[in-house]
Amino acid sequence: MGQLSQSEETAERIYNLLRNGKMSERQLTLNFQRLNEKKDNGIDYLIYLLLRSNNLHIYMLLIKLMNSI
């Protein structure tokens, strides 16, 4: 497996903060939008991580996030 890009590492940090309850929904939305503005695959990796979760709350947040972009 290759190294993660800077945006993918950011996506991983965002996901871990959310999973550990250290990131609010508002912060997640802002970080999601900022990551989406970058021209690499960081946002795709964050979506991938969120989809892998077995948490219904995270699924619902992802739907809201997708509607915000």
N, C-alpha and C. Protein backbone atom coordinates (compact mmCIF):
# COMPACT_ATOMS: atom_id res chain seq x y z
N MET A 1 0.85 -1.18 0.00
CA MET A 1 0.00 0.00 0.00
C MET A 1 0.89 1.24 0.00
N GLY A 2 0.56 2.21 -0.82
CA GLY A 2 1.34 3.44 -0.94
C GLY A 2 1.07 4.40 0.19
N GLN A 3 1.84 5.46 0.19
CA GLN A 3 1.67 6.50 1.19
C GLN A 3 0.42 7.30 0.90
N LEU A 4 -0.15 7.86 1.97
CA LEU A 4 -1.31 8.72 1.83
C LEU A 4 -0.86 10.12 1.46
N SER A 5 -1.68 10.80 0.65
CA SER A 5 -1.41 12.19 0.33
C SER A 5 -1.75 13.05 1.55
N GLN A 6 -1.37 14.30 1.50
CA GLN A 6 -1.66 15.22 2.61
C GLN A 6 -3.16 15.33 2.84
N SER A 7 -3.94 15.41 1.76
CA SER A 7 -5.40 15.52 1.90
C SER A 7 -6.00 14.23 2.46
N GLU A 8 -5.45 13.09 2.08
CA GLU A 8 -5.94 11.83 2.64
C GLU A 8 -5.62 11.72 4.12
N GLU A 9 -4.45 12.20 4.53
CA GLU A 9 -4.12 12.23 5.95
C GLU A 9 -5.06 13.16 6.71
N THR A 10 -5.39 14.29 6.11
CA THR A 10 -6.35 15.22 6.71
C THR A 10 -7.71 14.54 6.85
N ALA A 11 -8.13 13.84 5.80
CA ALA A 11 -9.41 13.12 5.84
C ALA A 11 -9.42 12.10 6.97
N GLU A 12 -8.33 11.41 7.16
CA GLU A 12 -8.23 10.41 8.22
C GLU A 12 -8.32 11.07 9.60
N ARG A 13 -7.65 12.21 9.76
CA ARG A 13 -7.72 12.94 11.03
C ARG A 13 -9.15 13.41 11.30
N ILE A 14 -9.82 13.93 10.28
CA ILE A 14 -11.20 14.39 10.43
C ILE A 14 -12.08 13.22 10.86
N TYR A 15 -11.93 12.10 10.18
CA TYR A 15 -12.74 10.92 10.49
C TYR A 15 -12.50 10.45 11.92
N ASN A 16 -11.23 10.38 12.33
CA ASN A 16 -10.92 9.92 13.69
C ASN A 16 -11.45 10.88 14.76
N LEU A 17 -11.36 12.17 14.51
CA LEU A 17 -11.92 13.14 15.46
C LEU A 17 -13.43 12.98 15.57
N LEU A 18 -14.10 12.79 14.46
CA LEU A 18 -15.55 12.59 14.47
C LEU A 18 -15.89 11.31 15.20
N ARG A 19 -15.20 10.24 14.88
CA ARG A 19 -15.47 8.94 15.49
C ARG A 19 -15.27 8.96 16.99
N ASN A 20 -14.30 9.75 17.45
CA ASN A 20 -14.01 9.83 18.88
C ASN A 20 -14.84 10.89 19.59
N GLY A 21 -15.76 11.53 18.88
CA GLY A 21 -16.65 12.52 19.49
C GLY A 21 -15.98 13.85 19.78
N LYS A 22 -14.88 14.15 19.08
CA LYS A 22 -14.15 15.39 19.34
C LYS A 22 -14.36 16.43 18.25
N MET A 23 -15.29 16.18 17.35
CA MET A 23 -15.58 17.14 16.28
C MET A 23 -17.09 17.30 16.18
N SER A 24 -17.53 18.55 16.21
CA SER A 24 -18.96 18.81 16.12
C SER A 24 -19.44 18.67 14.66
N GLU A 25 -20.74 18.60 14.50
CA GLU A 25 -21.31 18.50 13.16
C GLU A 25 -20.97 19.74 12.33
N ARG A 26 -20.97 20.89 12.95
CA ARG A 26 -20.62 22.13 12.24
C ARG A 26 -19.16 22.12 11.79
N GLN A 27 -18.27 21.69 12.67
CA GLN A 27 -16.85 21.60 12.30
C GLN A 27 -16.66 20.59 11.18
N LEU A 28 -17.37 19.48 11.26
CA LEU A 28 -17.28 18.47 10.20
C LEU A 28 -17.73 19.05 8.87
N THR A 29 -18.81 19.79 8.87
CA THR A 29 -19.32 20.40 7.64
C THR A 29 -18.29 21.35 7.04
N LEU A 30 -17.70 22.21 7.87
CA LEU A 30 -16.69 23.15 7.38
C LEU A 30 -15.47 22.43 6.83
N ASN A 31 -14.99 21.43 7.56
CA ASN A 31 -13.82 20.68 7.09
C ASN A 31 -14.13 19.89 5.83
N PHE A 32 -15.33 19.36 5.73
CA PHE A 32 -15.75 18.62 4.54
C PHE A 32 -15.74 19.55 3.32
N GLN A 33 -16.28 20.75 3.50
CA GLN A 33 -16.32 21.70 2.40
C GLN A 33 -14.92 22.16 2.00
N ARG A 34 -14.06 22.38 2.98
CA ARG A 34 -12.68 22.79 2.68
C ARG A 34 -11.92 21.68 1.95
N LEU A 35 -12.12 20.47 2.38
CA LEU A 35 -11.45 19.34 1.73
C LEU A 35 -11.98 19.17 0.31
N ASN A 36 -13.25 19.45 0.11
CA ASN A 36 -13.85 19.34 -1.22
C ASN A 36 -13.28 20.38 -2.18
N GLU A 37 -12.83 21.52 -1.68
CA GLU A 37 -12.27 22.58 -2.53
C GLU A 37 -10.91 22.21 -3.10
N LYS A 38 -10.22 21.28 -2.47
CA LYS A 38 -8.91 20.85 -2.98
C LYS A 38 -9.11 19.98 -4.20
N LYS A 39 -8.14 19.97 -5.07
CA LYS A 39 -8.26 19.28 -6.35
C LYS A 39 -7.67 17.87 -6.33
N ASP A 40 -7.62 17.24 -5.17
CA ASP A 40 -7.12 15.87 -5.13
C ASP A 40 -8.19 14.95 -4.53
N ASN A 41 -7.81 13.78 -4.12
CA ASN A 41 -8.81 12.78 -3.73
C ASN A 41 -9.06 12.70 -2.23
N GLY A 42 -8.72 13.72 -1.48
CA GLY A 42 -8.95 13.71 -0.03
C GLY A 42 -10.42 13.58 0.32
N ILE A 43 -11.27 14.28 -0.42
CA ILE A 43 -12.70 14.21 -0.13
C ILE A 43 -13.24 12.82 -0.43
N ASP A 44 -12.75 12.20 -1.49
CA ASP A 44 -13.18 10.84 -1.82
C ASP A 44 -12.79 9.87 -0.71
N TYR A 45 -11.60 10.06 -0.16
CA TYR A 45 -11.14 9.19 0.91
C TYR A 45 -11.98 9.39 2.17
N LEU A 46 -12.34 10.64 2.48
CA LEU A 46 -13.18 10.89 3.66
C LEU A 46 -14.55 10.25 3.46
N ILE A 47 -15.12 10.38 2.28
CA ILE A 47 -16.42 9.75 2.01
C ILE A 47 -16.30 8.24 2.16
N TYR A 48 -15.22 7.67 1.65
CA TYR A 48 -14.97 6.24 1.78
C TYR A 48 -14.93 5.82 3.25
N LEU A 49 -14.19 6.58 4.06
CA LEU A 49 -14.09 6.26 5.49
C LEU A 49 -15.46 6.35 6.17
N LEU A 50 -16.22 7.39 5.84
CA LEU A 50 -17.54 7.55 6.45
C LEU A 50 -18.48 6.43 6.03
N LEU A 51 -18.39 6.01 4.78
CA LEU A 51 -19.25 4.92 4.30
C LEU A 51 -18.90 3.59 4.96
N ARG A 52 -17.66 3.40 5.34
CA ARG A 52 -17.24 2.15 5.99
C ARG A 52 -17.76 2.04 7.40
N SER A 53 -18.18 3.15 7.98
CA SER A 53 -18.66 3.14 9.36
C SER A 53 -19.98 2.37 9.45
N ASN A 54 -20.17 1.70 10.55
CA ASN A 54 -21.43 1.00 10.79
C ASN A 54 -22.35 1.82 11.69
N ASN A 55 -22.14 3.12 11.71
CA ASN A 55 -22.86 4.02 12.60
C ASN A 55 -23.92 4.77 11.79
N LEU A 56 -25.18 4.59 12.16
CA LEU A 56 -26.28 5.25 11.44
C LEU A 56 -26.17 6.77 11.52
N HIS A 57 -25.73 7.29 12.65
CA HIS A 57 -25.57 8.74 12.80
C HIS A 57 -24.57 9.29 11.78
N ILE A 58 -23.48 8.56 11.59
CA ILE A 58 -22.47 9.00 10.62
C ILE A 58 -23.03 8.93 9.20
N TYR A 59 -23.81 7.91 8.90
CA TYR A 59 -24.46 7.82 7.58
C TYR A 59 -25.36 9.04 7.34
N MET A 60 -26.13 9.40 8.35
CA MET A 60 -27.04 10.54 8.22
C MET A 60 -26.24 11.84 8.05
N LEU A 61 -25.14 11.97 8.77
CA LEU A 61 -24.28 13.14 8.61
C LEU A 61 -23.72 13.20 7.19
N LEU A 62 -23.33 12.07 6.65
CA LEU A 62 -22.79 12.03 5.30
C LEU A 62 -23.83 12.49 4.28
N ILE A 63 -25.06 12.08 4.45
CA ILE A 63 -26.12 12.53 3.55
C ILE A 63 -26.26 14.05 3.61
N LYS A 64 -26.23 14.62 4.82
CA LYS A 64 -26.32 16.06 4.98
C LYS A 64 -25.11 16.75 4.34
N LEU A 65 -23.94 16.16 4.52
CA LEU A 65 -22.72 16.73 3.94
C LEU A 65 -22.78 16.73 2.41
N MET A 66 -23.23 15.63 1.85
CA MET A 66 -23.32 15.53 0.39
C MET A 66 -24.30 16.55 -0.16
N ASN A 67 -25.34 16.84 0.57
CA ASN A 67 -26.32 17.85 0.14
C ASN A 67 -25.77 19.27 0.29
N SER A 68 -24.72 19.44 1.10
CA SER A 68 -24.19 20.79 1.33
C SER A 68 -23.19 21.22 0.26
N ILE A 69 -22.76 20.29 -0.58
CA ILE A 69 -21.77 20.66 -1.61
C ILE A 69 -22.40 20.75 -2.98
